[in-house]
Amino acid sequence: MMKNKQPMTLKRVIVDYKKLDNHMLNLLVEKFPDGYDDDDIVTYRNASNEVVECIEVRTEDTAYLVKVSKRLVMAMEDHEDTDTDTEADEERSLDTEGLENTEEE
């Protein structure tokens, strides 16, 4: 007889954009490569009864609610541009091994 597994409860973490690390920015850019829209926003009231808007990103054990702001959008775009620049540099690098082999023949 198999035992029923307890459903794993996710840790819930609220994160301000100022405290995002590269890992979290990567998760956001992967989940929202073209940005997020109104349907992606989760709204709740904090302890001060203020309305807070967030977008949710999940890992295996944690649900992160990242506070939405114009600065978050800029941080995601800047991070995406940095990743794109790195990938473009790698694509532009020449395969020198292939060139050397051609010259020897």
PDB file of N, CA and C in Angstrom:
ATOM      1  N   MET A   1       0.843  -1.180   0.000  1.00  0.00           N
ATOM      2  CA  MET A   1       0.000   0.000   0.000  1.00  0.00           C
ATOM      3  C   MET A   1       0.889   1.244   0.000  1.00  0.00           C
ATOM      4  N   MET A   2       0.609   2.161  -0.909  1.00  0.00           N
ATOM      5  CA  MET A   2       1.422   3.368  -1.019  1.00  0.00           C
ATOM      6  C   MET A   2       0.910   4.441  -0.072  1.00  0.00           C
ATOM      7  N   LYS A   3       1.852   5.153   0.511  1.00  0.00           N
ATOM      8  CA  LYS A   3       1.474   6.259   1.380  1.00  0.00           C
ATOM      9  C   LYS A   3       1.181   7.487   0.535  1.00  0.00           C
ATOM     10  N   ASN A   4       0.196   8.243   0.963  1.00  0.00           N
ATOM     11  CA  ASN A   4      -0.095   9.506   0.276  1.00  0.00           C
ATOM     12  C   ASN A   4       0.988  10.510   0.605  1.00  0.00           C
ATOM     13  N   LYS A   5       1.494  11.155  -0.404  1.00  0.00           N
ATOM     14  CA  LYS A   5       2.495  12.186  -0.177  1.00  0.00           C
ATOM     15  C   LYS A   5       1.802  13.461   0.264  1.00  0.00           C
ATOM     16  N   GLN A   6       2.424  14.160   1.204  1.00  0.00           N
ATOM     17  CA  GLN A   6       1.915  15.448   1.625  1.00  0.00           C
ATOM     18  C   GLN A   6       2.180  16.448   0.500  1.00  0.00           C
ATOM     19  N   PRO A   7       1.208  17.258   0.157  1.00  0.00           N
ATOM     20  CA  PRO A   7       1.489  18.257  -0.875  1.00  0.00           C
ATOM     21  C   PRO A   7       2.550  19.234  -0.369  1.00  0.00           C
ATOM     22  N   MET A   8       3.501  19.502  -1.227  1.00  0.00           N
ATOM     23  CA  MET A   8       4.576  20.393  -0.833  1.00  0.00           C
ATOM     24  C   MET A   8       4.067  21.832  -0.854  1.00  0.00           C
ATOM     25  N   THR A   9       4.202  22.515   0.254  1.00  0.00           N
ATOM     26  CA  THR A   9       3.772  23.902   0.293  1.00  0.00           C
ATOM     27  C   THR A   9       4.944  24.798  -0.106  1.00  0.00           C
ATOM     28  N   LEU A  10       4.636  25.713  -0.972  1.00  0.00           N
ATOM     29  CA  LEU A  10       5.667  26.624  -1.446  1.00  0.00           C
ATOM     30  C   LEU A  10       5.897  27.731  -0.426  1.00  0.00           C
ATOM     31  N   LYS A  11       7.158  28.080  -0.285  1.00  0.00           N
ATOM     32  CA  LYS A  11       7.494  29.265   0.487  1.00  0.00           C
ATOM     33  C   LYS A  11       7.047  30.454  -0.341  1.00  0.00           C
ATOM     34  N   ARG A  12       6.473  31.460   0.288  1.00  0.00           N
ATOM     35  CA  ARG A  12       6.064  32.652  -0.442  1.00  0.00           C
ATOM     36  C   ARG A  12       6.968  33.799  -0.004  1.00  0.00           C
ATOM     37  N   VAL A  13       7.608  34.432  -0.968  1.00  0.00           N
ATOM     38  CA  VAL A  13       8.544  35.503  -0.682  1.00  0.00           C
ATOM     39  C   VAL A  13       8.168  36.719  -1.508  1.00  0.00           C
ATOM     40  N   ILE A  14       8.063  37.866  -0.849  1.00  0.00           N
ATOM     41  CA  ILE A  14       7.799  39.114  -1.546  1.00  0.00           C
ATOM     42  C   ILE A  14       9.134  39.823  -1.717  1.00  0.00           C
ATOM     43  N   VAL A  15       9.423  40.220  -2.953  1.00  0.00           N
ATOM     44  CA  VAL A  15      10.720  40.805  -3.267  1.00  0.00           C
ATOM     45  C   VAL A  15      10.524  42.164  -3.938  1.00  0.00           C
ATOM     46  N   ASP A  16      11.284  43.143  -3.499  1.00  0.00           N
ATOM     47  CA  ASP A  16      11.289  44.436  -4.157  1.00  0.00           C
ATOM     48  C   ASP A  16      12.307  44.385  -5.280  1.00  0.00           C
ATOM     49  N   TYR A  17      12.073  45.128  -6.341  1.00  0.00           N
ATOM     50  CA  TYR A  17      12.983  45.051  -7.494  1.00  0.00           C
ATOM     51  C   TYR A  17      14.413  45.407  -7.100  1.00  0.00           C
ATOM     52  N   LYS A  18      14.595  46.258  -6.088  1.00  0.00           N
ATOM     53  CA  LYS A  18      15.934  46.677  -5.671  1.00  0.00           C
ATOM     54  C   LYS A  18      16.756  45.508  -5.144  1.00  0.00           C
ATOM     55  N   LYS A  19      16.081  44.470  -4.682  1.00  0.00           N
ATOM     56  CA  LYS A  19      16.784  43.339  -4.079  1.00  0.00           C
ATOM     57  C   LYS A  19      16.885  42.137  -5.009  1.00  0.00           C
ATOM     58  N   LEU A  20      16.604  42.338  -6.290  1.00  0.00           N
ATOM     59  CA  LEU A  20      16.675  41.230  -7.239  1.00  0.00           C
ATOM     60  C   LEU A  20      18.135  40.924  -7.565  1.00  0.00           C
ATOM     61  N   ASP A  21      18.458  39.636  -7.547  1.00  0.00           N
ATOM     62  CA  ASP A  21      19.792  39.230  -7.970  1.00  0.00           C
ATOM     63  C   ASP A  21      19.713  38.729  -9.416  1.00  0.00           C
ATOM     64  N   ASN A  22      20.854  38.372  -9.979  1.00  0.00           N
ATOM     65  CA  ASN A  22      20.875  37.914 -11.377  1.00  0.00           C
ATOM     66  C   ASN A  22      20.019  36.682 -11.586  1.00  0.00           C
ATOM     67  N   HIS A  23      20.017  35.761 -10.612  1.00  0.00           N
ATOM     68  CA  HIS A  23      19.205  34.541 -10.733  1.00  0.00           C
ATOM     69  C   HIS A  23      17.734  34.909 -10.875  1.00  0.00           C
ATOM     70  N   MET A  24      17.281  35.824 -10.028  1.00  0.00           N
ATOM     71  CA  MET A  24      15.870  36.212 -10.062  1.00  0.00           C
ATOM     72  C   MET A  24      15.549  36.960 -11.359  1.00  0.00           C
ATOM     73  N   LEU A  25      16.450  37.825 -11.803  1.00  0.00           N
ATOM     74  CA  LEU A  25      16.232  38.521 -13.074  1.00  0.00           C
ATOM     75  C   LEU A  25      16.170  37.532 -14.227  1.00  0.00           C
ATOM     76  N   ASN A  26      17.017  36.500 -14.186  1.00  0.00           N
ATOM     77  CA  ASN A  26      16.962  35.461 -15.223  1.00  0.00           C
ATOM     78  C   ASN A  26      15.602  34.785 -15.240  1.00  0.00           C
ATOM     79  N   LEU A  27      15.086  34.441 -14.060  1.00  0.00           N
ATOM     80  CA  LEU A  27      13.770  33.791 -13.973  1.00  0.00           C
ATOM     81  C   LEU A  27      12.685  34.697 -14.558  1.00  0.00           C
ATOM     82  N   LEU A  28      12.737  35.979 -14.218  1.00  0.00           N
ATOM     83  CA  LEU A  28      11.734  36.916 -14.726  1.00  0.00           C
ATOM     84  C   LEU A  28      11.802  37.039 -16.243  1.00  0.00           C
ATOM     85  N   VAL A  29      13.010  37.170 -16.776  1.00  0.00           N
ATOM     86  CA  VAL A  29      13.168  37.328 -18.222  1.00  0.00           C
ATOM     87  C   VAL A  29      12.749  36.049 -18.952  1.00  0.00           C
ATOM     88  N   GLU A  30      13.029  34.875 -18.349  1.00  0.00           N
ATOM     89  CA  GLU A  30      12.600  33.610 -18.960  1.00  0.00           C
ATOM     90  C   GLU A  30      11.081  33.503 -18.977  1.00  0.00           C
ATOM     91  N   LYS A  31      10.455  33.866 -17.861  1.00  0.00           N
ATOM     92  CA  LYS A  31       9.001  33.727 -17.777  1.00  0.00           C
ATOM     93  C   LYS A  31       8.276  34.797 -18.598  1.00  0.00           C
ATOM     94  N   PHE A  32       8.842  35.993 -18.645  1.00  0.00           N
ATOM     95  CA  PHE A  32       8.204  37.106 -19.351  1.00  0.00           C
ATOM     96  C   PHE A  32       9.174  37.690 -20.380  1.00  0.00           C
ATOM     97  N   PRO A  33       9.527  36.922 -21.426  1.00  0.00           N
ATOM     98  CA  PRO A  33      10.516  37.408 -22.397  1.00  0.00           C
ATOM     99  C   PRO A  33      10.065  38.657 -23.155  1.00  0.00           C
ATOM    100  N   ASP A  34       8.763  38.823 -23.302  1.00  0.00           N
ATOM    101  CA  ASP A  34       8.237  39.994 -24.001  1.00  0.00           C
ATOM    102  C   ASP A  34       7.614  40.984 -23.027  1.00  0.00           C
ATOM    103  N   GLY A  35       7.969  40.869 -21.760  1.00  0.00           N
ATOM    104  CA  GLY A  35       7.377  41.717 -20.733  1.00  0.00           C
ATOM    105  C   GLY A  35       6.093  41.089 -20.204  1.00  0.00           C
ATOM    106  N   TYR A  36       5.539  41.684 -19.187  1.00  0.00           N
ATOM    107  CA  TYR A  36       4.308  41.164 -18.608  1.00  0.00           C
ATOM    108  C   TYR A  36       3.180  42.135 -18.891  1.00  0.00           C
ATOM    109  N   ASP A  37       1.935  41.622 -18.790  1.00  0.00           N
ATOM    110  CA  ASP A  37       0.792  42.513 -18.986  1.00  0.00           C
ATOM    111  C   ASP A  37      -0.133  42.415 -17.786  1.00  0.00           C
ATOM    112  N   ASP A  38      -1.255  43.078 -17.859  1.00  0.00           N
ATOM    113  CA  ASP A  38      -2.180  43.162 -16.726  1.00  0.00           C
ATOM    114  C   ASP A  38      -2.632  41.792 -16.232  1.00  0.00           C
ATOM    115  N   ASP A  39      -2.731  40.820 -17.122  1.00  0.00           N
ATOM    116  CA  ASP A  39      -3.188  39.484 -16.723  1.00  0.00           C
ATOM    117  C   ASP A  39      -2.171  38.773 -15.828  1.00  0.00           C
ATOM    118  N   ASP A  40      -0.916  39.186 -15.886  1.00  0.00           N
ATOM    119  CA  ASP A  40       0.144  38.549 -15.096  1.00  0.00           C
ATOM    120  C   ASP A  40       0.281  39.145 -13.695  1.00  0.00           C
ATOM    121  N   ILE A  41      -0.385  40.262 -13.444  1.00  0.00           N
ATOM    122  CA  ILE A  41      -0.212  40.976 -12.182  1.00  0.00           C
ATOM    123  C   ILE A  41      -1.110  40.399 -11.095  1.00  0.00           C
ATOM    124  N   VAL A  42      -0.499  40.137  -9.938  1.00  0.00           N
ATOM    125  CA  VAL A  42      -1.202  39.668  -8.745  1.00  0.00           C
ATOM    126  C   VAL A  42      -1.334  40.874  -7.816  1.00  0.00           C
ATOM    127  N   THR A  43      -2.548  41.138  -7.347  1.00  0.00           N
ATOM    128  CA  THR A  43      -2.781  42.290  -6.478  1.00  0.00           C
ATOM    129  C   THR A  43      -3.197  41.812  -5.091  1.00  0.00           C
ATOM    130  N   TYR A  44      -2.636  42.458  -4.060  1.00  0.00           N
ATOM    131  CA  TYR A  44      -3.033  42.141  -2.685  1.00  0.00           C
ATOM    132  C   TYR A  44      -2.886  43.400  -1.843  1.00  0.00           C
ATOM    133  N   ARG A  45      -3.407  43.340  -0.626  1.00  0.00           N
ATOM    134  CA  ARG A  45      -3.266  44.467   0.303  1.00  0.00           C
ATOM    135  C   ARG A  45      -2.265  44.065   1.385  1.00  0.00           C
ATOM    136  N   ASN A  46      -1.331  44.973   1.654  1.00  0.00           N
ATOM    137  CA  ASN A  46      -0.322  44.680   2.674  1.00  0.00           C
ATOM    138  C   ASN A  46      -0.856  45.017   4.065  1.00  0.00           C
ATOM    139  N   ALA A  47      -0.001  44.917   5.069  1.00  0.00           N
ATOM    140  CA  ALA A  47      -0.412  45.149   6.457  1.00  0.00           C
ATOM    141  C   ALA A  47      -0.917  46.574   6.676  1.00  0.00           C
ATOM    142  N   SER A  48      -0.461  47.512   5.856  1.00  0.00           N
ATOM    143  CA  SER A  48      -0.901  48.903   5.961  1.00  0.00           C
ATOM    144  C   SER A  48      -2.144  49.169   5.121  1.00  0.00           C
ATOM    145  N   ASN A  49      -2.742  48.100   4.587  1.00  0.00           N
ATOM    146  CA  ASN A  49      -3.931  48.156   3.753  1.00  0.00           C
ATOM    147  C   ASN A  49      -3.689  48.882   2.432  1.00  0.00           C
ATOM    148  N   GLU A  50      -2.428  48.921   1.984  1.00  0.00           N
ATOM    149  CA  GLU A  50      -2.097  49.510   0.700  1.00  0.00           C
ATOM    150  C   GLU A  50      -2.162  48.429  -0.367  1.00  0.00           C
ATOM    151  N   VAL A  51      -2.618  48.804  -1.553  1.00  0.00           N
ATOM    152  CA  VAL A  51      -2.674  47.858  -2.659  1.00  0.00           C
ATOM    153  C   VAL A  51      -1.264  47.698  -3.217  1.00  0.00           C
ATOM    154  N   VAL A  52      -0.836  46.454  -3.348  1.00  0.00           N
ATOM    155  CA  VAL A  52       0.487  46.153  -3.887  1.00  0.00           C
ATOM    156  C   VAL A  52       0.299  45.268  -5.111  1.00  0.00           C
ATOM    157  N   GLU A  53       0.988  45.612  -6.193  1.00  0.00           N
ATOM    158  CA  GLU A  53       0.924  44.820  -7.422  1.00  0.00           C
ATOM    159  C   GLU A  53       2.241  44.095  -7.610  1.00  0.00           C
ATOM    160  N   CYS A  54       2.155  42.805  -7.944  1.00  0.00           N
ATOM    161  CA  CYS A  54       3.343  41.965  -8.113  1.00  0.00           C
ATOM    162  C   CYS A  54       3.165  41.057  -9.324  1.00  0.00           C
ATOM    163  N   ILE A  55       4.282  40.510  -9.777  1.00  0.00           N
ATOM    164  CA  ILE A  55       4.233  39.411 -10.730  1.00  0.00           C
ATOM    165  C   ILE A  55       4.851  38.212 -10.031  1.00  0.00           C
ATOM    166  N   GLU A  56       4.366  37.026 -10.366  1.00  0.00           N
ATOM    167  CA  GLU A  56       4.800  35.819  -9.667  1.00  0.00           C
ATOM    168  C   GLU A  56       5.771  35.007 -10.521  1.00  0.00           C
ATOM    169  N   VAL A  57       6.820  34.558  -9.858  1.00  0.00           N
ATOM    170  CA  VAL A  57       7.783  33.648 -10.476  1.00  0.00           C
ATOM    171  C   VAL A  57       7.980  32.513  -9.488  1.00  0.00           C
ATOM    172  N   ARG A  58       7.920  31.283  -9.987  1.00  0.00           N
ATOM    173  CA  ARG A  58       8.055  30.119  -9.102  1.00  0.00           C
ATOM    174  C   ARG A  58       9.313  29.323  -9.403  1.00  0.00           C
ATOM    175  N   THR A  59       9.900  28.812  -8.324  1.00  0.00           N
ATOM    176  CA  THR A  59      10.959  27.821  -8.439  1.00  0.00           C
ATOM    177  C   THR A  59      10.370  26.546  -7.858  1.00  0.00           C
ATOM    178  N   GLU A  60      11.178  25.514  -7.690  1.00  0.00           N
ATOM    179  CA  GLU A  60      10.646  24.248  -7.171  1.00  0.00           C
ATOM    180  C   GLU A  60      10.040  24.399  -5.784  1.00  0.00           C
ATOM    181  N   ASP A  61      10.635  25.266  -4.953  1.00  0.00           N
ATOM    182  CA  ASP A  61      10.190  25.336  -3.567  1.00  0.00           C
ATOM    183  C   ASP A  61       9.683  26.705  -3.130  1.00  0.00           C
ATOM    184  N   THR A  62       9.725  27.694  -4.016  1.00  0.00           N
ATOM    185  CA  THR A  62       9.375  29.051  -3.610  1.00  0.00           C
ATOM    186  C   THR A  62       8.543  29.761  -4.674  1.00  0.00           C
ATOM    187  N   ALA A  63       7.548  30.510  -4.210  1.00  0.00           N
ATOM    188  CA  ALA A  63       6.777  31.394  -5.082  1.00  0.00           C
ATOM    189  C   ALA A  63       7.199  32.810  -4.721  1.00  0.00           C
ATOM    190  N   TYR A  64       7.854  33.486  -5.661  1.00  0.00           N
ATOM    191  CA  TYR A  64       8.301  34.849  -5.437  1.00  0.00           C
ATOM    192  C   TYR A  64       7.270  35.810  -6.008  1.00  0.00           C
ATOM    193  N   LEU A  65       6.896  36.799  -5.224  1.00  0.00           N
ATOM    194  CA  LEU A  65       6.051  37.880  -5.699  1.00  0.00           C
ATOM    195  C   LEU A  65       6.958  39.101  -5.801  1.00  0.00           C
ATOM    196  N   VAL A  66       7.208  39.539  -7.022  1.00  0.00           N
ATOM    197  CA  VAL A  66       8.102  40.666  -7.261  1.00  0.00           C
ATOM    198  C   VAL A  66       7.244  41.904  -7.470  1.00  0.00           C
ATOM    199  N   LYS A  67       7.480  42.910  -6.630  1.00  0.00           N
ATOM    200  CA  LYS A  67       6.687  44.135  -6.712  1.00  0.00           C
ATOM    201  C   LYS A  67       6.877  44.800  -8.068  1.00  0.00           C
ATOM    202  N   VAL A  68       5.763  45.186  -8.664  1.00  0.00           N
ATOM    203  CA  VAL A  68       5.766  45.799  -9.985  1.00  0.00           C
ATOM    204  C   VAL A  68       6.028  47.299  -9.854  1.00  0.00           C
ATOM    205  N   SER A  69       6.890  47.786 -10.717  1.00  0.00           N
ATOM    206  CA  SER A  69       7.137  49.222 -10.820  1.00  0.00           C
ATOM    207  C   SER A  69       7.776  49.487 -12.167  1.00  0.00           C
ATOM    208  N   LYS A  70       7.854  50.744 -12.544  1.00  0.00           N
ATOM    209  CA  LYS A  70       8.520  51.086 -13.802  1.00  0.00           C
ATOM    210  C   LYS A  70       9.979  50.680 -13.742  1.00  0.00           C
ATOM    211  N   ARG A  71      10.565  50.771 -12.562  1.00  0.00           N
ATOM    212  CA  ARG A  71      11.974  50.409 -12.422  1.00  0.00           C
ATOM    213  C   ARG A  71      12.190  48.919 -12.626  1.00  0.00           C
ATOM    214  N   LEU A  72      11.206  48.096 -12.264  1.00  0.00           N
ATOM    215  CA  LEU A  72      11.319  46.651 -12.512  1.00  0.00           C
ATOM    216  C   LEU A  72      11.395  46.403 -14.011  1.00  0.00           C
ATOM    217  N   VAL A  73      10.548  47.059 -14.772  1.00  0.00           N
ATOM    218  CA  VAL A  73      10.556  46.899 -16.225  1.00  0.00           C
ATOM    219  C   VAL A  73      11.925  47.279 -16.777  1.00  0.00           C
ATOM    220  N   MET A  74      12.464  48.405 -16.320  1.00  0.00           N
ATOM    221  CA  MET A  74      13.775  48.846 -16.799  1.00  0.00           C
ATOM    222  C   MET A  74      14.864  47.851 -16.396  1.00  0.00           C
ATOM    223  N   ALA A  75      14.793  47.315 -15.172  1.00  0.00           N
ATOM    224  CA  ALA A  75      15.795  46.351 -14.719  1.00  0.00           C
ATOM    225  C   ALA A  75      15.742  45.085 -15.568  1.00  0.00           C
ATOM    226  N   MET A  76      14.525  44.620 -15.901  1.00  0.00           N
ATOM    227  CA  MET A  76      14.388  43.427 -16.741  1.00  0.00           C
ATOM    228  C   MET A  76      14.934  43.689 -18.138  1.00  0.00           C
ATOM    229  N   GLU A  77      14.627  44.865 -18.698  1.00  0.00           N
ATOM    230  CA  GLU A  77      15.110  45.185 -20.039  1.00  0.00           C
ATOM    231  C   GLU A  77      16.625  45.302 -20.062  1.00  0.00           C
ATOM    232  N   ASP A  78      17.196  45.955 -19.048  1.00  0.00           N
ATOM    233  CA  ASP A  78      18.654  46.088 -18.971  1.00  0.00           C
ATOM    234  C   ASP A  78      19.312  44.725 -18.841  1.00  0.00           C
ATOM    235  N   HIS A  79      18.726  43.855 -18.015  1.00  0.00           N
ATOM    236  CA  HIS A  79      19.284  42.519 -17.831  1.00  0.00           C
ATOM    237  C   HIS A  79      19.198  41.718 -19.121  1.00  0.00           C
ATOM    238  N   GLU A  80      18.078  41.825 -19.811  1.00  0.00           N
ATOM    239  CA  GLU A  80      17.897  41.108 -21.067  1.00  0.00           C
ATOM    240  C   GLU A  80      18.897  41.606 -22.107  1.00  0.00           C
ATOM    241  N   ASP A  81      19.122  42.929 -22.161  1.00  0.00           N
ATOM    242  CA  ASP A  81      20.093  43.497 -23.095  1.00  0.00           C
ATOM    243  C   ASP A  81      21.496  42.993 -22.792  1.00  0.00           C
ATOM    244  N   THR A  82      21.847  42.883 -21.535  1.00  0.00           N
ATOM    245  CA  THR A  82      23.164  42.392 -21.145  1.00  0.00           C
ATOM    246  C   THR A  82      23.343  40.953 -21.603  1.00  0.00           C
ATOM    247  N   ASP A  83      22.319  40.115 -21.395  1.00  0.00           N
ATOM    248  CA  ASP A  83      22.388  38.717 -21.841  1.00  0.00           C
ATOM    249  C   ASP A  83      22.496  38.646 -23.360  1.00  0.00           C
ATOM    250  N   THR A  84      21.736  39.463 -24.060  1.00  0.00           N
ATOM    251  CA  THR A  84      21.754  39.459 -25.513  1.00  0.00           C
ATOM    252  C   THR A  84      23.113  39.889 -26.034  1.00  0.00           C
ATOM    253  N   ASP A  85      23.718  40.908 -25.423  1.00  0.00           N
ATOM    254  CA  ASP A  85      25.042  41.366 -25.838  1.00  0.00           C
ATOM    255  C   ASP A  85      26.071  40.255 -25.678  1.00  0.00           C
ATOM    256  N   THR A  86      26.019  39.528 -24.576  1.00  0.00           N
ATOM    257  CA  THR A  86      26.959  38.437 -24.336  1.00  0.00           C
ATOM    258  C   THR A  86      26.780  37.342 -25.376  1.00  0.00           C
ATOM    259  N   GLU A  87      25.523  36.975 -25.661  1.00  0.00           N
ATOM    260  CA  GLU A  87      25.260  35.931 -26.654  1.00  0.00           C
ATOM    261  C   GLU A  87      25.705  36.394 -28.038  1.00  0.00           C
ATOM    262  N   ALA A  88      25.471  37.659 -28.367  1.00  0.00           N
ATOM    263  CA  ALA A  88      25.865  38.179 -29.678  1.00  0.00           C
ATOM    264  C   ALA A  88      27.379  38.147 -29.825  1.00  0.00           C
ATOM    265  N   ASP A  89      28.104  38.487 -28.756  1.00  0.00           N
ATOM    266  CA  ASP A  89      29.568  38.429 -28.799  1.00  0.00           C
ATOM    267  C   ASP A  89      30.037  37.014 -29.059  1.00  0.00           C
ATOM    268  N   GLU A  90      29.389  36.044 -28.412  1.00  0.00           N
ATOM    269  CA  GLU A  90      29.778  34.645 -28.598  1.00  0.00           C
ATOM    270  C   GLU A  90      29.490  34.201 -30.029  1.00  0.00           C
ATOM    271  N   GLU A  91      28.370  34.648 -30.606  1.00  0.00           N
ATOM    272  CA  GLU A  91      28.019  34.263 -31.975  1.00  0.00           C
ATOM    273  C   GLU A  91      28.967  34.894 -32.991  1.00  0.00           C
ATOM    274  N   ARG A  92      29.471  36.096 -32.694  1.00  0.00           N
ATOM    275  CA  ARG A  92      30.365  36.785 -33.611  1.00  0.00           C
ATOM    276  C   ARG A  92      31.785  36.247 -33.564  1.00  0.00           C
ATOM    277  N   SER A  93      32.140  35.507 -32.514  1.00  0.00           N
ATOM    278  CA  SER A  93      33.506  35.024 -32.430  1.00  0.00           C
ATOM    279  C   SER A  93      33.766  34.035 -33.562  1.00  0.00           C
ATOM    280  N   LEU A  94      34.929  34.124 -34.140  1.00  0.00           N
ATOM    281  CA  LEU A  94      35.265  33.280 -35.288  1.00  0.00           C
ATOM    282  C   LEU A  94      35.714  31.903 -34.835  1.00  0.00           C
ATOM    283  N   ASP A  95      35.442  30.938 -35.663  1.00  0.00           N
ATOM    284  CA  ASP A  95      35.945  29.592 -35.435  1.00  0.00           C
ATOM    285  C   ASP A  95      37.342  29.554 -36.055  1.00  0.00           C
ATOM    286  N   THR A  96      38.334  29.928 -35.269  1.00  0.00           N
ATOM    287  CA  THR A  96      39.695  30.041 -35.804  1.00  0.00           C
ATOM    288  C   THR A  96      40.263  28.675 -36.158  1.00  0.00           C
ATOM    289  N   GLU A  97      39.796  27.645 -35.474  1.00  0.00           N
ATOM    290  CA  GLU A  97      40.291  26.305 -35.788  1.00  0.00           C
ATOM    291  C   GLU A  97      39.933  25.929 -37.220  1.00  0.00           C
ATOM    292  N   GLY A  98      38.708  26.256 -37.621  1.00  0.00           N
ATOM    293  CA  GLY A  98      38.263  25.964 -38.981  1.00  0.00           C
ATOM    294  C   GLY A  98      39.051  26.759 -40.004  1.00  0.00           C
ATOM    295  N   LEU A  99      39.397  27.998 -39.676  1.00  0.00           N
ATOM    296  CA  LEU A  99      40.169  28.828 -40.597  1.00  0.00           C
ATOM    297  C   LEU A  99      41.589  28.296 -40.763  1.00  0.00           C
ATOM    298  N   GLU A 100      42.184  27.864 -39.662  1.00  0.00           N
ATOM    299  CA  GLU A 100      43.545  27.341 -39.732  1.00  0.00           C
ATOM    300  C   GLU A 100      43.619  26.093 -40.592  1.00  0.00           C
ATOM    301  N   ASN A 101      42.634  25.224 -40.456  1.00  0.00           N
ATOM    302  CA  ASN A 101      42.614  24.012 -41.245  1.00  0.00           C
ATOM    303  C   ASN A 101      42.497  24.322 -42.732  1.00  0.00           C
ATOM    304  N   THR A 102      41.716  25.337 -43.084  1.00  0.00           N
ATOM    305  CA  THR A 102      41.546  25.717 -44.479  1.00  0.00           C
ATOM    306  C   THR A 102      42.843  26.230 -45.063  1.00  0.00           C
ATOM    307  N   GLU A 103      43.595  27.018 -44.297  1.00  0.00           N
ATOM    308  CA  GLU A 103      44.838  27.612 -44.786  1.00  0.00           C
ATOM    309  C   GLU A 103      45.890  26.538 -45.034  1.00  0.00           C
ATOM    310  N   GLU A 104      45.895  25.474 -44.254  1.00  0.00           N
ATOM    311  CA  GLU A 104      46.912  24.436 -44.374  1.00  0.00           C
ATOM    312  C   GLU A 104      46.712  23.603 -45.630  1.00  0.00           C
ATOM    313  N   GLU A 105      45.487  23.513 -46.102  1.00  0.00           N
ATOM    314  CA  GLU A 105      45.188  22.647 -47.246  1.00  0.00           C
ATOM    315  C   GLU A 105      45.603  23.219 -48.518  1.00  0.00           C
TER     316      GLU A 105
END
